[in-house]
C-alpha atoms as a PDB file:
ATOM      1  CA  MET A   1     -78.363  59.600 -56.272  1.00  0.00           C
ATOM      2  CA  THR A   2     -75.799  60.571 -58.808  1.00  0.00           C
ATOM      3  CA  LYS A   3     -72.185  59.763 -58.489  1.00  0.00           C
ATOM      4  CA  THR A   4     -71.441  63.610 -58.226  1.00  0.00           C
ATOM      5  CA  MET A   5     -73.798  63.841 -55.255  1.00  0.00           C
ATOM      6  CA  LYS A   6     -72.277  60.780 -53.658  1.00  0.00           C
ATOM      7  CA  ARG A   7     -68.874  62.375 -53.900  1.00  0.00           C
ATOM      8  CA  LEU A   8     -70.174  65.610 -52.527  1.00  0.00           C
ATOM      9  CA  MET A   9     -71.782  63.886 -49.536  1.00  0.00           C
ATOM     10  CA  MET A  10     -68.449  62.034 -48.879  1.00  0.00           C
ATOM     11  CA  VAL A  11     -66.469  65.174 -48.976  1.00  0.00           C
ATOM     12  CA  LEU A  12     -68.920  66.938 -46.653  1.00  0.00           C
ATOM     13  CA  GLY A  13     -68.928  64.090 -44.200  1.00  0.00           C
ATOM     14  CA  THR A  14     -65.081  63.987 -44.108  1.00  0.00           C
ATOM     15  CA  VAL A  15     -64.979  67.788 -43.518  1.00  0.00           C
ATOM     16  CA  ALA A  16     -67.559  67.452 -40.650  1.00  0.00           C
ATOM     17  CA  LEU A  17     -65.551  64.657 -39.063  1.00  0.00           C
ATOM     18  CA  LEU A  18     -62.299  66.800 -39.185  1.00  0.00           C
ATOM     19  CA  VAL A  19     -63.978  69.757 -37.623  1.00  0.00           C
ATOM     20  CA  ALA A  20     -65.428  67.475 -34.861  1.00  0.00           C
ATOM     21  CA  LEU A  21     -61.993  66.010 -34.211  1.00  0.00           C
ATOM     22  CA  VAL A  22     -60.237  69.463 -34.032  1.00  0.00           C
ATOM     23  CA  ALA A  23     -62.978  70.843 -31.776  1.00  0.00           C
ATOM     24  CA  SER A  24     -62.467  67.673 -29.468  1.00  0.00           C
ATOM     25  CA  MET A  25     -58.826  68.051 -29.382  1.00  0.00           C
ATOM     26  CA  THR A  26     -59.099  71.798 -28.511  1.00  0.00           C
ATOM     27  CA  SER A  27     -61.480  71.023 -25.739  1.00  0.00           C
ATOM     28  CA  THR A  28     -59.350  68.374 -24.136  1.00  0.00           C
ATOM     29  CA  THR A  29     -55.940  69.918 -24.542  1.00  0.00           C
ATOM     30  CA  LEU A  30     -56.716  73.663 -24.012  1.00  0.00           C
ATOM     31  CA  ALA A  31     -59.561  73.537 -21.536  1.00  0.00           C
ATOM     32  CA  ALA A  32     -59.181  76.630 -19.356  1.00  0.00           C
ATOM     33  CA  ASN A  33     -61.026  79.526 -17.982  1.00  0.00           C
ATOM     34  CA  LEU A  34     -59.170  82.521 -19.204  1.00  0.00           C
ATOM     35  CA  THR A  35     -61.348  84.956 -16.994  1.00  0.00           C
ATOM     36  CA  GLY A  36     -59.892  83.695 -13.717  1.00  0.00           C
ATOM     37  CA  GLY A  37     -61.506  83.084 -10.407  1.00  0.00           C
ATOM     38  CA  THR A  38     -62.221  79.333 -10.607  1.00  0.00           C
ATOM     39  CA  TYR A  39     -58.852  78.202  -9.372  1.00  0.00           C
ATOM     40  CA  THR A  40     -57.444  79.063  -5.942  1.00  0.00           C
ATOM     41  CA  TYR A  41     -53.812  79.076  -5.012  1.00  0.00           C
ATOM     42  CA  LEU A  42     -52.566  78.240  -1.412  1.00  0.00           C
ATOM     43  CA  ILE A  43     -49.236  79.942  -1.267  1.00  0.00           C
ATOM     44  CA  ASN A  44     -47.487  79.455   2.053  1.00  0.00           C
ATOM     45  CA  GLY A  45     -50.927  79.034   3.646  1.00  0.00           C
ATOM     46  CA  GLU A  46     -52.555  82.096   2.101  1.00  0.00           C
ATOM     47  CA  GLU A  47     -55.247  81.910  -0.572  1.00  0.00           C
ATOM     48  CA  GLU A  48     -54.695  83.950  -3.787  1.00  0.00           C
ATOM     49  CA  THR A  49     -56.292  84.036  -7.279  1.00  0.00           C
ATOM     50  CA  PHE A  50     -55.005  85.200 -10.537  1.00  0.00           C
ATOM     51  CA  THR A  51     -56.600  86.806 -13.624  1.00  0.00           C
ATOM     52  CA  PHE A  52     -56.028  83.804 -15.774  1.00  0.00           C
ATOM     53  CA  ASP A  53     -56.647  80.215 -14.584  1.00  0.00           C
ATOM     54  CA  PRO A  54     -54.262  77.312 -15.538  1.00  0.00           C
ATOM     55  CA  VAL A  55     -54.487  75.655 -18.913  1.00  0.00           C
ATOM     56  CA  VAL A  56     -55.334  72.061 -18.448  1.00  0.00           C
ATOM     57  CA  ARG A  57     -53.462  69.625 -20.485  1.00  0.00           C
ATOM     58  CA  LYS A  58     -53.656  65.809 -20.381  1.00  0.00           C
ATOM     59  CA  ASP A  59     -49.977  65.666 -19.520  1.00  0.00           C
ATOM     60  CA  GLY A  60     -50.159  68.517 -16.899  1.00  0.00           C
ATOM     61  CA  LEU A  61     -51.068  71.973 -15.994  1.00  0.00           C
ATOM     62  CA  LEU A  62     -49.750  75.262 -17.456  1.00  0.00           C
ATOM     63  CA  LEU A  63     -49.751  78.138 -15.061  1.00  0.00           C
ATOM     64  CA  PRO A  64     -49.852  81.878 -16.010  1.00  0.00           C
ATOM     65  CA  PHE A  65     -46.450  83.498 -15.699  1.00  0.00           C
ATOM     66  CA  GLU A  66     -47.804  85.732 -12.990  1.00  0.00           C
ATOM     67  CA  VAL A  67     -47.754  82.670 -10.645  1.00  0.00           C
ATOM     68  CA  PHE A  68     -44.111  82.119 -11.257  1.00  0.00           C
ATOM     69  CA  GLN A  69     -43.404  85.837 -10.565  1.00  0.00           C
ATOM     70  CA  LYS A  70     -45.287  85.538  -7.300  1.00  0.00           C
ATOM     71  CA  MET A  71     -42.927  82.673  -6.237  1.00  0.00           C
ATOM     72  CA  GLY A  72     -39.906  84.890  -6.678  1.00  0.00           C
ATOM     73  CA  ILE A  73     -39.004  83.713 -10.192  1.00  0.00           C
ATOM     74  CA  LYS A  74     -38.036  86.436 -12.668  1.00  0.00           C
ATOM     75  CA  LEU A  75     -39.045  86.171 -16.444  1.00  0.00           C
ATOM     76  CA  GLU A  76     -36.436  87.766 -18.736  1.00  0.00           C
ATOM     77  CA  GLY A  77     -35.813  87.873 -22.382  1.00  0.00           C
ATOM     78  CA  MET A  78     -39.436  87.156 -23.120  1.00  0.00           C
ATOM     79  CA  THR A  79     -39.941  86.984 -26.945  1.00  0.00           C
ATOM     80  CA  GLU A  80     -42.527  85.370 -29.178  1.00  0.00           C
ATOM     81  CA  LYS A  81     -40.564  82.131 -29.020  1.00  0.00           C
ATOM     82  CA  THR A  82     -38.500  82.044 -25.794  1.00  0.00           C
ATOM     83  CA  VAL A  83     -38.687  82.933 -22.108  1.00  0.00           C
ATOM     84  CA  THR A  84     -35.821  82.687 -19.608  1.00  0.00           C
ATOM     85  CA  ALA A  85     -36.881  82.117 -16.001  1.00  0.00           C
ATOM     86  CA  THR A  86     -34.360  82.888 -13.274  1.00  0.00           C
ATOM     87  CA  LYS A  87     -34.164  82.601  -9.375  1.00  0.00           C
ATOM     88  CA  ASP A  88     -30.975  82.713  -7.433  1.00  0.00           C
ATOM     89  CA  THR A  89     -28.461  80.675  -9.425  1.00  0.00           C
ATOM     90  CA  VAL A  90     -30.868  78.869 -11.629  1.00  0.00           C
ATOM     91  CA  ALA A  91     -31.672  79.727 -15.156  1.00  0.00           C
ATOM     92  CA  ALA A  92     -34.253  77.814 -17.373  1.00  0.00           C
ATOM     93  CA  LYS A  93     -34.619  78.859 -20.982  1.00  0.00           C
ATOM     94  CA  VAL A  94     -37.850  77.431 -22.424  1.00  0.00           C
ATOM     95  CA  THR A  95     -39.204  77.534 -25.919  1.00  0.00           C
ATOM     96  CA  ILE A  96     -42.925  78.284 -26.652  1.00  0.00           C
ATOM     97  CA  GLY A  97     -44.418  75.159 -28.293  1.00  0.00           C
ATOM     98  CA  SER A  98     -41.552  72.886 -27.278  1.00  0.00           C
ATOM     99  CA  THR A  99     -41.026  70.424 -24.399  1.00  0.00           C
ATOM    100  CA  ILE A 100     -37.215  70.721 -24.782  1.00  0.00           C
ATOM    101  CA  TYR A 101     -35.525  73.389 -22.531  1.00  0.00           C
ATOM    102  CA  ASP A 102     -32.157  74.562 -21.269  1.00  0.00           C
ATOM    103  CA  LEU A 103     -31.446  74.291 -17.512  1.00  0.00           C
ATOM    104  CA  ASP A 104     -28.128  75.985 -16.556  1.00  0.00           C
ATOM    105  CA  GLY A 105     -26.670  74.661 -19.848  1.00  0.00           C
ATOM    106  CA  ALA A 106     -28.147  71.238 -19.727  1.00  0.00           C
ATOM    107  CA  THR A 107     -30.848  70.052 -22.102  1.00  0.00           C
ATOM    108  CA  LYS A 108     -33.867  68.825 -20.335  1.00  0.00           C
ATOM    109  CA  MET A 109     -37.414  67.934 -21.153  1.00  0.00           C
ATOM    110  CA  LEU A 110     -40.755  69.066 -19.663  1.00  0.00           C
ATOM    111  CA  ALA A 111     -43.957  67.131 -19.201  1.00  0.00           C
ATOM    112  CA  THR A 112     -46.020  69.573 -21.496  1.00  0.00           C
ATOM    113  CA  MET A 113     -45.029  72.428 -23.789  1.00  0.00           C
ATOM    114  CA  PRO A 114     -45.226  76.175 -22.728  1.00  0.00           C
ATOM    115  CA  LEU A 115     -47.915  78.104 -24.587  1.00  0.00           C
ATOM    116  CA  ARG A 116     -48.788  81.649 -25.495  1.00  0.00           C
ATOM    117  CA  LEU A 117     -52.582  82.360 -25.285  1.00  0.00           C
ATOM    118  CA  ASN A 118     -54.381  85.737 -25.414  1.00  0.00           C
ATOM    119  CA  GLY A 119     -50.977  87.443 -25.272  1.00  0.00           C
ATOM    120  CA  ARG A 120     -50.172  85.629 -22.048  1.00  0.00           C
ATOM    121  CA  VAL A 121     -47.342  83.084 -21.460  1.00  0.00           C
ATOM    122  CA  PHE A 122     -48.302  79.827 -19.637  1.00  0.00           C
ATOM    123  CA  LEU A 123     -45.444  77.659 -18.212  1.00  0.00           C
ATOM    124  CA  PRO A 124     -45.554  74.013 -17.136  1.00  0.00           C
ATOM    125  CA  MET A 125     -46.254  73.601 -13.360  1.00  0.00           C
ATOM    126  CA  ASP A 126     -43.428  70.920 -13.241  1.00  0.00           C
ATOM    127  CA  LEU A 127     -40.933  73.636 -14.070  1.00  0.00           C
ATOM    128  CA  LEU A 128     -41.303  74.975 -10.461  1.00  0.00           C
ATOM    129  CA  LYS A 129     -39.532  72.004  -9.068  1.00  0.00           C
ATOM    130  CA  GLU A 130     -36.215  73.094 -10.653  1.00  0.00           C
ATOM    131  CA  PHE A 131     -36.493  76.278  -8.590  1.00  0.00           C
ATOM    132  CA  GLY A 132     -37.058  74.350  -5.227  1.00  0.00           C
ATOM    133  CA  ILE A 133     -40.801  75.080  -5.250  1.00  0.00           C
ATOM    134  CA  GLU A 134     -43.224  72.281  -4.372  1.00  0.00           C
ATOM    135  CA  ALA A 135     -46.602  72.567  -6.206  1.00  0.00           C
ATOM    136  CA  VAL A 136     -49.539  70.050  -5.895  1.00  0.00           C
ATOM    137  CA  GLN A 137     -52.997  70.191  -7.451  1.00  0.00           C
ATOM    138  CA  ASP A 138     -56.033  69.161  -5.541  1.00  0.00           C
ATOM    139  CA  GLY A 139     -59.117  69.686  -7.781  1.00  0.00           C
ATOM    140  CA  THR A 140     -59.090  73.473  -8.345  1.00  0.00           C
ATOM    141  CA  MET A 141     -56.821  74.253  -5.515  1.00  0.00           C
ATOM    142  CA  ILE A 142     -53.123  74.463  -5.993  1.00  0.00           C
ATOM    143  CA  LEU A 143     -50.791  74.279  -3.047  1.00  0.00           C
ATOM    144  CA  MET A 144     -47.490  75.918  -3.422  1.00  0.00           C
ATOM    145  CA  ARG A 145     -44.537  76.472  -1.090  1.00  0.00           C
ATOM    146  CA  PRO A 146     -40.733  77.038  -1.411  1.00  0.00           C
ATOM    147  CA  LEU A 147     -39.090  73.853   0.095  1.00  0.00           C
ATOM    148  CA  VAL A 148     -36.434  76.068   1.817  1.00  0.00           C
ATOM    149  CA  ASP A 149     -35.951  79.849   2.129  1.00  0.00           C
ATOM    150  CA  LYS A 150     -32.583  79.711   0.260  1.00  0.00           C
ATOM    151  CA  VAL A 151     -30.492  76.815  -1.105  1.00  0.00           C
ATOM    152  CA  PRO A 152     -26.993  77.042   0.119  1.00  0.00           C
ATOM    153  CA  ALA A 153     -24.188  77.522  -2.556  1.00  0.00           C
ATOM    154  CA  LEU A 154     -22.400  74.453  -3.936  1.00  0.00           C
ATOM    155  CA  GLU A 155     -19.050  73.679  -2.288  1.00  0.00           C
ATOM    156  CA  GLN A 156     -16.255  72.487  -4.437  1.00  0.00           C
ATOM    157  CA  LEU A 157     -14.380  69.619  -2.858  1.00  0.00           C
ATOM    158  CA  THR A 158     -11.367  67.655  -4.087  1.00  0.00           C
ATOM    159  CA  ASP A 159     -11.867  63.951  -4.570  1.00  0.00           C
ATOM    160  CA  PRO A 160      -9.998  63.043  -1.473  1.00  0.00           C
ATOM    161  CA  GLN A 161     -12.024  65.652   0.541  1.00  0.00           C
ATOM    162  CA  TRP A 162     -15.302  64.186  -1.015  1.00  0.00           C
ATOM    163  CA  SER A 163     -14.159  60.585  -0.106  1.00  0.00           C
ATOM    164  CA  ALA A 164     -13.192  61.532   3.458  1.00  0.00           C
ATOM    165  CA  LEU A 165     -16.390  63.393   3.951  1.00  0.00           C
ATOM    166  CA  ARG A 166     -18.435  60.351   3.111  1.00  0.00           C
ATOM    167  CA  ALA A 167     -15.964  57.841   4.732  1.00  0.00           C
ATOM    168  CA  ASN A 168     -16.467  59.693   8.180  1.00  0.00           C
ATOM    169  CA  ARG A 169     -20.210  59.179   7.978  1.00  0.00           C
ATOM    170  CA  GLY A 170     -20.680  55.668   6.592  1.00  0.00           C
ATOM    171  CA  PHE A 171     -19.370  52.350   5.379  1.00  0.00           C
ATOM    172  CA  SER A 172     -19.272  50.032   2.462  1.00  0.00           C
ATOM    173  CA  ASN A 173     -20.682  46.552   2.015  1.00  0.00           C
ATOM    174  CA  ASN A 174     -22.513  44.161  -0.323  1.00  0.00           C
ATOM    175  CA  ALA A 175     -26.263  44.451  -0.257  1.00  0.00           C
ATOM    176  CA  LYS A 176     -28.683  41.837  -1.778  1.00  0.00           C
ATOM    177  CA  SER A 177     -30.479  42.875  -4.878  1.00  0.00           C
ATOM    178  CA  ASP A 178     -33.928  42.262  -6.026  1.00  0.00           C
ATOM    179  CA  SER A 179     -32.691  39.402  -8.234  1.00  0.00           C
ATOM    180  CA  GLY A 180     -30.752  37.700  -5.485  1.00  0.00           C
ATOM    181  CA  ILE A 181     -27.281  38.843  -6.589  1.00  0.00           C
ATOM    182  CA  TYR A 182     -25.245  41.333  -4.458  1.00  0.00           C
ATOM    183  CA  LEU A 183     -24.478  45.010  -5.292  1.00  0.00           C
ATOM    184  CA  PHE A 184     -21.456  46.777  -3.782  1.00  0.00           C
ATOM    185  CA  CYS A 185     -22.765  49.859  -1.921  1.00  0.00           C
ATOM    186  CA  ASP A 186     -21.399  52.866  -0.077  1.00  0.00           C
ATOM    187  CA  PHE A 187     -23.798  53.985   2.591  1.00  0.00           C
ATOM    188  CA  SER A 188     -23.456  57.516   4.025  1.00  0.00           C
ATOM    189  CA  LEU A 189     -25.465  59.211   6.776  1.00  0.00           C
ATOM    190  CA  MET A 190     -26.396  62.477   5.021  1.00  0.00           C
ATOM    191  CA  ASN A 191     -25.919  66.036   6.410  1.00  0.00           C
ATOM    192  CA  ALA A 192     -25.903  69.589   4.907  1.00  0.00           C
ATOM    193  CA  ASP A 193     -22.324  69.290   3.879  1.00  0.00           C
ATOM    194  CA  ILE A 194     -22.902  66.173   1.745  1.00  0.00           C
ATOM    195  CA  ILE A 195     -26.031  67.770   0.176  1.00  0.00           C
ATOM    196  CA  ASN A 196     -24.072  70.966  -0.614  1.00  0.00           C
ATOM    197  CA  ALA A 197     -21.033  69.242  -2.146  1.00  0.00           C
ATOM    198  CA  ALA A 198     -20.816  69.819  -5.866  1.00  0.00           C
ATOM    199  CA  ASN A 199     -19.423  66.391  -6.158  1.00  0.00           C
ATOM    200  CA  LEU A 200     -22.930  64.821  -5.652  1.00  0.00           C
ATOM    201  CA  GLY A 201     -23.992  66.399  -8.908  1.00  0.00           C
ATOM    202  CA  THR A 202     -27.431  67.415  -7.779  1.00  0.00           C
ATOM    203  CA  SER A 203     -29.564  70.172  -9.351  1.00  0.00           C
ATOM    204  CA  TYR A 204     -30.808  73.244  -7.410  1.00  0.00           C
ATOM    205  CA  GLY A 205     -34.312  71.742  -7.188  1.00  0.00           C
ATOM    206  CA  THR A 206     -33.003  68.345  -5.844  1.00  0.00           C
ATOM    207  CA  ARG A 207     -30.857  70.007  -3.223  1.00  0.00           C
ATOM    208  CA  ALA A 208     -33.811  71.999  -2.114  1.00  0.00           C
ATOM    209  CA  ARG A 209     -35.920  68.882  -1.662  1.00  0.00           C
ATOM    210  CA  LEU A 210     -33.072  67.018   0.155  1.00  0.00           C
ATOM    211  CA  HIS A 211     -32.544  70.055   2.594  1.00  0.00           C
ATOM    212  CA  SER A 212     -36.282  70.065   3.221  1.00  0.00           C
ATOM    213  CA  LEU A 213     -36.366  66.318   3.868  1.00  0.00           C
ATOM    214  CA  LEU A 214     -33.267  66.549   6.165  1.00  0.00           C
ATOM    215  CA  GLN A 215     -35.323  68.678   8.601  1.00  0.00           C
ATOM    216  CA  THR A 216     -37.920  65.995   9.168  1.00  0.00           C
ATOM    217  CA  ASN A 217     -36.296  62.738   8.157  1.00  0.00           C
ATOM    218  CA  THR A 218     -33.039  60.758   8.241  1.00  0.00           C
ATOM    219  CA  LEU A 219     -31.368  60.453   4.904  1.00  0.00           C
ATOM    220  CA  ILE A 220     -29.027  57.600   3.773  1.00  0.00           C
ATOM    221  CA  LEU A 221     -26.911  58.385   0.639  1.00  0.00           C
ATOM    222  CA  VAL A 222     -26.313  55.180  -1.393  1.00  0.00           C
ATOM    223  CA  LYS A 223     -23.904  54.602  -4.235  1.00  0.00           C
ATOM    224  CA  ALA A 224     -24.748  51.236  -5.742  1.00  0.00           C
ATOM    225  CA  SER A 225     -22.331  49.474  -8.035  1.00  0.00           C
ATOM    226  CA  ASN A 226     -23.249  46.262 -10.055  1.00  0.00           C
ATOM    227  CA  ILE A 227     -20.216  44.041 -10.110  1.00  0.00           C
ATOM    228  CA  GLY A 228     -22.243  41.054 -11.176  1.00  0.00           C
ATOM    229  CA  SER A 229     -22.914  39.543 -14.481  1.00  0.00           C
ATOM    230  CA  ARG A 230     -26.634  40.414 -14.992  1.00  0.00           C
ATOM    231  CA  ALA A 231     -28.879  43.377 -14.219  1.00  0.00           C
ATOM    232  CA  ALA A 232     -30.131  43.955 -10.829  1.00  0.00           C
ATOM    233  CA  GLY A 233     -31.829  46.670  -8.686  1.00  0.00           C
ATOM    234  CA  LEU A 234     -31.340  47.456  -4.991  1.00  0.00           C
ATOM    235  CA  ALA A 235     -34.009  45.928  -2.736  1.00  0.00           C
ATOM    236  CA  SER A 236     -34.539  49.139  -0.732  1.00  0.00           C
ATOM    237  CA  THR A 237     -37.580  47.942   1.262  1.00  0.00           C
ATOM    238  CA  SER A 238     -35.451  45.215   2.884  1.00  0.00           C
ATOM    239  CA  LEU A 239     -33.043  47.841   4.378  1.00  0.00           C
ATOM    240  CA  MET A 240     -33.934  48.858   7.891  1.00  0.00           C
ATOM    241  CA  LEU A 241     -32.213  51.073  10.504  1.00  0.00           C
ATOM    242  CA  VAL A 242     -31.942  49.890  14.088  1.00  0.00           C
ATOM    243  CA  ASP A 243     -30.722  52.257  16.879  1.00  0.00           C
ATOM    244  CA  ASP A 244     -29.195  51.423  20.241  1.00  0.00           C
ATOM    245  CA  LYS A 245     -32.653  51.330  21.935  1.00  0.00           C
ATOM    246  CA  ARG A 246     -33.582  48.596  19.467  1.00  0.00           C
ATOM    247  CA  ASN A 247     -36.147  50.782  17.589  1.00  0.00           C
ATOM    248  CA  GLN A 248     -36.456  49.777  13.967  1.00  0.00           C
ATOM    249  CA  TYR A 249     -37.002  52.240  11.214  1.00  0.00           C
ATOM    250  CA  ASP A 250     -38.238  51.204   7.677  1.00  0.00           C
ATOM    251  CA  VAL A 251     -37.729  53.090   4.278  1.00  0.00           C
ATOM    252  CA  VAL A 252     -40.352  55.775   3.793  1.00  0.00           C
ATOM    253  CA  SER A 253     -39.208  56.621   0.212  1.00  0.00           C
ATOM    254  CA  VAL A 254     -36.339  56.675  -2.218  1.00  0.00           C
ATOM    255  CA  GLU A 255     -35.148  59.955  -3.748  1.00  0.00           C
ATOM    256  CA  ASN A 256     -33.599  59.950  -7.261  1.00  0.00           C
ATOM    257  CA  ILE A 257     -30.274  61.700  -7.955  1.00  0.00           C
ATOM    258  CA  GLY A 258     -29.094  62.030 -11.428  1.00  0.00           C
ATOM    259  CA  PHE A 259     -30.249  59.611 -14.129  1.00  0.00           C
ATOM    260  CA  GLY A 260     -32.184  56.497 -13.262  1.00  0.00           C
ATOM    261  CA  LEU A 261     -33.912  55.348 -10.104  1.00  0.00           C
ATOM    262  CA  LEU A 262     -31.662  53.672  -7.525  1.00  0.00           C
ATOM    263  CA  THR A 263     -34.172  50.764  -7.311  1.00  0.00           C
ATOM    264  CA  SER A 264     -34.484  50.208 -11.136  1.00  0.00           C
ATOM    265  CA  LYS A 265     -32.250  47.738 -12.966  1.00  0.00           C
ATOM    266  CA  LEU A 266     -28.518  48.535 -13.006  1.00  0.00           C
ATOM    267  CA  ALA A 267     -26.618  46.956 -15.986  1.00  0.00           C
ATOM    268  CA  PRO A 268     -23.377  45.066 -15.128  1.00  0.00           C
ATOM    269  CA  GLY A 269     -20.432  47.374 -14.551  1.00  0.00           C
ATOM    270  CA  THR A 270     -22.625  50.441 -13.910  1.00  0.00           C
ATOM    271  CA  ASP A 271     -23.348  52.421 -10.639  1.00  0.00           C
ATOM    272  CA  ARG A 272     -25.939  54.932  -9.392  1.00  0.00           C
ATOM    273  CA  PHE A 273     -26.660  57.338  -6.546  1.00  0.00           C
ATOM    274  CA  GLY A 274     -29.888  57.518  -4.605  1.00  0.00           C
ATOM    275  CA  VAL A 275     -31.160  58.553  -1.166  1.00  0.00           C
ATOM    276  CA  LEU A 276     -32.909  56.257   1.211  1.00  0.00           C
ATOM    277  CA  VAL A 277     -35.582  58.215   3.384  1.00  0.00           C
ATOM    278  CA  TYR A 278     -36.155  57.117   6.933  1.00  0.00           C
ATOM    279  CA  PRO A 279     -38.264  58.772   9.788  1.00  0.00           C
ATOM    280  CA  LYS A 280     -36.414  61.300  12.013  1.00  0.00           C
ATOM    281  CA  LEU A 281     -34.317  59.541  14.636  1.00  0.00           C
ATOM    282  CA  PRO A 282     -34.386  60.610  18.365  1.00  0.00           C
ATOM    283  CA  ALA A 283     -31.614  63.033  19.320  1.00  0.00           C
ATOM    284  CA  ASN A 284     -30.243  60.882  22.168  1.00  0.00           C
ATOM    285  CA  ILE A 285     -29.183  57.784  20.255  1.00  0.00           C
ATOM    286  CA  THR A 286     -25.566  56.487  20.544  1.00  0.00           C
ATOM    287  CA  SER A 287     -25.423  53.999  17.772  1.00  0.00           C
ATOM    288  CA  LEU A 288     -27.141  53.330  14.484  1.00  0.00           C
ATOM    289  CA  SER A 289     -26.892  50.201  12.251  1.00  0.00           C
ATOM    290  CA  LEU A 290     -28.245  49.196   8.821  1.00  0.00           C
ATOM    291  CA  TYR A 291     -29.793  45.654   8.549  1.00  0.00           C
ATOM    292  CA  SER A 292     -30.813  43.757   5.498  1.00  0.00           C
ATOM    293  CA  ASP A 293     -33.844  41.595   5.570  1.00  0.00           C
ATOM    294  CA  ALA A 294     -32.955  40.082   2.398  1.00  0.00           C
ATOM    295  CA  SER A 295     -29.616  38.697   3.618  1.00  0.00           C
ATOM    296  CA  LEU A 296     -30.563  38.540   7.327  1.00  0.00           C
ATOM    297  CA  ALA A 297     -27.223  40.358   8.125  1.00  0.00           C
ATOM    298  CA  VAL A 298     -25.970  43.618   9.610  1.00  0.00           C
ATOM    299  CA  LEU A 299     -24.457  45.640   6.783  1.00  0.00           C
ATOM    300  CA  GLY A 300     -22.580  48.152   9.098  1.00  0.00           C
ATOM    301  CA  ALA A 301     -22.845  50.811  11.642  1.00  0.00           C
ATOM    302  CA  PHE A 302     -22.872  54.631  11.134  1.00  0.00           C
ATOM    303  CA  PRO A 303     -20.907  56.898  13.291  1.00  0.00           C
ATOM    304  CA  ILE A 304     -23.298  59.259  15.172  1.00  0.00           C
ATOM    305  CA  LEU A 305     -21.681  62.700  14.605  1.00  0.00           C
ATOM    306  CA  LYS A 306     -23.089  65.538  16.760  1.00  0.00           C
END
């Protein structure tokens, strides 16, 4: 075989490999049935299908814009490059082909980038949470529901009003961290007034989730401050509620507020908000205390406000 033929074979082999790689990438990142009918949406308990199925990406699903409209989200200013999604007081401006987007003036990042295919706009499913909508995929079934009918408007409180609101529903004490040192914590028994306060700094979607949880759970707002000399995280699983009937309630989950998880490491001199989620308490209790397994101590008691 001549040198020229060898070079030609090498070039052809390289081209074939590139074609195979592109085909592979396309099939794995843009796999979707654009004729519809293979995915079913369960919206508030009722089944529905759309003309276009989701676009399946390795980092999440992209839903056709008609799904967002079905959930009461308006799509405005739709151009070749941008789309603005609005609902109540929330506005999210996304850019086609970019994971960076604007949410009420703040820059945020999506799990996967919006796309335009066959003249249709497909938006990331995780964008729905910013509008207070829960979406869960189960095979080819997507379950969707608004967490609450309408999220109450934010209430602007002065710093003294905010401090008094929390003080009337909680206490402060040192809680043992996961590394053995102590974090100074403010614990507040949450209600709708605390969730609706602008001072909490939560997004529309977070407030919707907290309002939903408040209907079926007991929520404790925690502000943890690291006054030590090394990084530490709150040992949330060691914190239990005990009522006057000696019933014990363990943490079900921890909700994040703002930047960083409450249970992740806090650098010295920093603080962080988070919410401890417990089971719903009986209506007839007269006292409620927070215990720490880690330090074997009562951290404090909550006033039970009717």
